[in-house]
Amino acid sequence: MLLVVAHSRPARRDLRNVCRAHDDCVVRRFGRAALLSWTEFAAFQALRLHEKHGLDVQLERVVPFEPADAPDHVQEAADTYEDRDHPSTPYARFASGRDLPAPDEMRGADL
């Protein structure tokens, strides 16, 4: 997918117009950003915006995140944490004393 982020008011207006006129290539809209399908037509629309607005339009290639993309210990930590008895317990306190990764360990580790 393509992520198109519009940083200026005119760029946001034109992104909104592209999304309305060509909703067949829009996967999802987020106000000043939109996910476009991975097609030549969507790339054409994104490049048009970038050509017109320059640095006010940011383009990124996005790959969907699947649960299987995370390491097993992160998946296990998420599953265990969501099955906790007290929903108000913060993860750091919950993980303390258990064989689960600490929040600081996960913050510093790249996927």
C-alpha atoms as a PDB file:
ATOM      1  CA  MET A   1       0.000   0.000   0.000  1.00  0.00           C
ATOM      2  CA  LEU A   2       0.973   3.620  -0.380  1.00  0.00           C
ATOM      3  CA  LEU A   3       0.719   6.060   2.502  1.00  0.00           C
ATOM      4  CA  VAL A   4       0.133   9.635   1.388  1.00  0.00           C
ATOM      5  CA  VAL A   5       0.435  12.329   4.069  1.00  0.00           C
ATOM      6  CA  ALA A   6      -0.534  15.904   3.261  1.00  0.00           C
ATOM      7  CA  HIS A   7       1.139  18.515   5.468  1.00  0.00           C
ATOM      8  CA  SER A   8      -0.296  21.790   4.125  1.00  0.00           C
ATOM      9  CA  ARG A   9      -3.888  22.931   3.821  1.00  0.00           C
ATOM     10  CA  PRO A  10      -3.852  22.967  -0.029  1.00  0.00           C
ATOM     11  CA  ALA A  11      -2.266  19.500  -0.095  1.00  0.00           C
ATOM     12  CA  ARG A  12      -4.918  18.182   2.307  1.00  0.00           C
ATOM     13  CA  ARG A  13      -7.647  19.653   0.114  1.00  0.00           C
ATOM     14  CA  ASP A  14      -6.223  17.995  -2.999  1.00  0.00           C
ATOM     15  CA  LEU A  15      -5.740  14.671  -1.207  1.00  0.00           C
ATOM     16  CA  ARG A  16      -9.365  14.815  -0.085  1.00  0.00           C
ATOM     17  CA  ASN A  17     -10.441  15.529  -3.673  1.00  0.00           C
ATOM     18  CA  VAL A  18      -8.384  12.632  -5.029  1.00  0.00           C
ATOM     19  CA  CYS A  19      -9.892  10.293  -2.442  1.00  0.00           C
ATOM     20  CA  ARG A  20     -13.434  11.398  -3.275  1.00  0.00           C
ATOM     21  CA  ALA A  21     -12.946  11.204  -7.037  1.00  0.00           C
ATOM     22  CA  HIS A  22     -11.046   7.904  -7.049  1.00  0.00           C
ATOM     23  CA  ASP A  23     -12.372   5.965  -4.063  1.00  0.00           C
ATOM     24  CA  ASP A  24     -11.667   2.687  -5.882  1.00  0.00           C
ATOM     25  CA  CYS A  25      -7.954   3.098  -5.099  1.00  0.00           C
ATOM     26  CA  VAL A  26      -8.454   4.307  -1.503  1.00  0.00           C
ATOM     27  CA  VAL A  27      -7.982   1.667   1.175  1.00  0.00           C
ATOM     28  CA  ARG A  28      -8.535   4.016   4.134  1.00  0.00           C
ATOM     29  CA  ARG A  29      -8.576   7.743   4.924  1.00  0.00           C
ATOM     30  CA  PHE A  30      -7.202   9.363   8.083  1.00  0.00           C
ATOM     31  CA  GLY A  31      -7.879  13.088   7.709  1.00  0.00           C
ATOM     32  CA  ARG A  32      -4.547  14.404   6.491  1.00  0.00           C
ATOM     33  CA  ALA A  33      -3.368  10.955   5.370  1.00  0.00           C
ATOM     34  CA  ALA A  34      -4.659   8.158   3.166  1.00  0.00           C
ATOM     35  CA  LEU A  35      -3.699   4.584   2.384  1.00  0.00           C
ATOM     36  CA  LEU A  36      -3.922   3.884  -1.327  1.00  0.00           C
ATOM     37  CA  SER A  37      -3.903   0.488  -2.994  1.00  0.00           C
ATOM     38  CA  TRP A  38      -0.682  -0.850  -4.503  1.00  0.00           C
ATOM     39  CA  THR A  39      -1.643  -0.126  -8.106  1.00  0.00           C
ATOM     40  CA  GLU A  40      -0.196   1.983 -10.876  1.00  0.00           C
ATOM     41  CA  PHE A  41      -3.246   4.245 -10.807  1.00  0.00           C
ATOM     42  CA  ALA A  42      -2.872   4.880  -7.075  1.00  0.00           C
ATOM     43  CA  ALA A  43       0.843   5.596  -7.599  1.00  0.00           C
ATOM     44  CA  PHE A  44      -0.123   8.005 -10.387  1.00  0.00           C
ATOM     45  CA  GLN A  45      -2.480   9.867  -8.035  1.00  0.00           C
ATOM     46  CA  ALA A  46       0.127   9.986  -5.255  1.00  0.00           C
ATOM     47  CA  LEU A  47       2.831  11.215  -7.619  1.00  0.00           C
ATOM     48  CA  ARG A  48       0.509  13.902  -8.996  1.00  0.00           C
ATOM     49  CA  LEU A  49       0.011  15.229  -5.477  1.00  0.00           C
ATOM     50  CA  HIS A  50       3.730  15.091  -4.771  1.00  0.00           C
ATOM     51  CA  GLU A  51       4.545  16.866  -8.040  1.00  0.00           C
ATOM     52  CA  LYS A  52       2.038  19.622  -7.306  1.00  0.00           C
ATOM     53  CA  HIS A  53       2.828  20.145  -3.597  1.00  0.00           C
ATOM     54  CA  GLY A  54       6.445  19.000  -3.273  1.00  0.00           C
ATOM     55  CA  LEU A  55       7.565  18.440   0.319  1.00  0.00           C
ATOM     56  CA  ASP A  56       4.049  19.144   1.585  1.00  0.00           C
ATOM     57  CA  VAL A  57       3.129  15.640   0.410  1.00  0.00           C
ATOM     58  CA  GLN A  58       4.968  12.715   1.940  1.00  0.00           C
ATOM     59  CA  LEU A  59       4.856   9.307   0.231  1.00  0.00           C
ATOM     60  CA  GLU A  60       5.686   6.023   1.936  1.00  0.00           C
ATOM     61  CA  ARG A  61       5.417   2.366   1.010  1.00  0.00           C
ATOM     62  CA  VAL A  62       3.522   0.464   3.681  1.00  0.00           C
ATOM     63  CA  VAL A  63       3.508  -3.254   4.329  1.00  0.00           C
ATOM     64  CA  PRO A  64       0.642  -4.599   6.466  1.00  0.00           C
ATOM     65  CA  PHE A  65       1.689  -5.898   9.895  1.00  0.00           C
ATOM     66  CA  GLU A  66       0.594  -9.436  10.659  1.00  0.00           C
ATOM     67  CA  PRO A  67       0.726 -10.978  14.154  1.00  0.00           C
ATOM     68  CA  ALA A  68       3.127 -13.610  12.828  1.00  0.00           C
ATOM     69  CA  ASP A  69       5.600 -10.786  12.052  1.00  0.00           C
ATOM     70  CA  ALA A  70       6.228 -10.262  15.783  1.00  0.00           C
ATOM     71  CA  PRO A  71       8.626 -12.512  17.717  1.00  0.00           C
ATOM     72  CA  ASP A  72       7.053 -15.347  19.674  1.00  0.00           C
ATOM     73  CA  HIS A  73       7.926 -13.818  23.060  1.00  0.00           C
ATOM     74  CA  VAL A  74       6.104 -10.592  22.112  1.00  0.00           C
ATOM     75  CA  GLN A  75       3.029 -12.501  20.949  1.00  0.00           C
ATOM     76  CA  GLU A  76       3.071 -14.548  24.158  1.00  0.00           C
ATOM     77  CA  ALA A  77       3.427 -11.385  26.269  1.00  0.00           C
ATOM     78  CA  ALA A  78       0.462  -9.744  24.521  1.00  0.00           C
ATOM     79  CA  ASP A  79      -1.711 -12.866  24.879  1.00  0.00           C
ATOM     80  CA  THR A  80      -0.810 -13.325  28.549  1.00  0.00           C
ATOM     81  CA  TYR A  81      -1.334  -9.649  29.359  1.00  0.00           C
ATOM     82  CA  GLU A  82      -4.777  -9.555  27.732  1.00  0.00           C
ATOM     83  CA  ASP A  83      -5.810 -12.609  29.784  1.00  0.00           C
ATOM     84  CA  ARG A  84      -4.925 -10.882  33.101  1.00  0.00           C
ATOM     85  CA  ASP A  85      -7.360 -10.941  36.001  1.00  0.00           C
ATOM     86  CA  HIS A  86      -7.338  -7.182  36.665  1.00  0.00           C
ATOM     87  CA  PRO A  87      -7.700  -5.041  33.529  1.00  0.00           C
ATOM     88  CA  SER A  88      -6.314  -1.938  35.276  1.00  0.00           C
ATOM     89  CA  THR A  89      -2.901  -3.504  35.973  1.00  0.00           C
ATOM     90  CA  PRO A  90      -0.207  -1.777  33.888  1.00  0.00           C
ATOM     91  CA  TYR A  91       1.993  -4.059  31.793  1.00  0.00           C
ATOM     92  CA  ALA A  92       5.238  -3.166  33.603  1.00  0.00           C
ATOM     93  CA  ARG A  93       3.791  -4.285  36.950  1.00  0.00           C
ATOM     94  CA  PHE A  94       2.170  -7.344  35.351  1.00  0.00           C
ATOM     95  CA  ALA A  95       5.425  -8.466  33.678  1.00  0.00           C
ATOM     96  CA  SER A  96       7.519  -7.998  36.821  1.00  0.00           C
ATOM     97  CA  GLY A  97       8.360 -11.393  38.309  1.00  0.00           C
ATOM     98  CA  ARG A  98       7.067 -13.275  35.262  1.00  0.00           C
ATOM     99  CA  ASP A  99       8.944 -14.724  32.329  1.00  0.00           C
ATOM    100  CA  LEU A 100       7.760 -11.854  30.093  1.00  0.00           C
ATOM    101  CA  PRO A 101       9.816  -9.155  28.379  1.00  0.00           C
ATOM    102  CA  ALA A 102      10.064  -5.839  30.203  1.00  0.00           C
ATOM    103  CA  PRO A 103       8.665  -2.773  28.425  1.00  0.00           C
ATOM    104  CA  ASP A 104      12.144  -1.190  28.206  1.00  0.00           C
ATOM    105  CA  GLU A 105      13.536  -4.326  26.531  1.00  0.00           C
ATOM    106  CA  MET A 106      10.802  -4.205  23.903  1.00  0.00           C
ATOM    107  CA  ARG A 107      11.173  -0.430  23.367  1.00  0.00           C
ATOM    108  CA  GLY A 108      14.822  -0.825  22.415  1.00  0.00           C
ATOM    109  CA  ALA A 109      14.434  -3.886  20.181  1.00  0.00           C
ATOM    110  CA  ASP A 110      13.715  -3.570  16.470  1.00  0.00           C
ATOM    111  CA  LEU A 111      11.273  -5.945  14.840  1.00  0.00           C
END
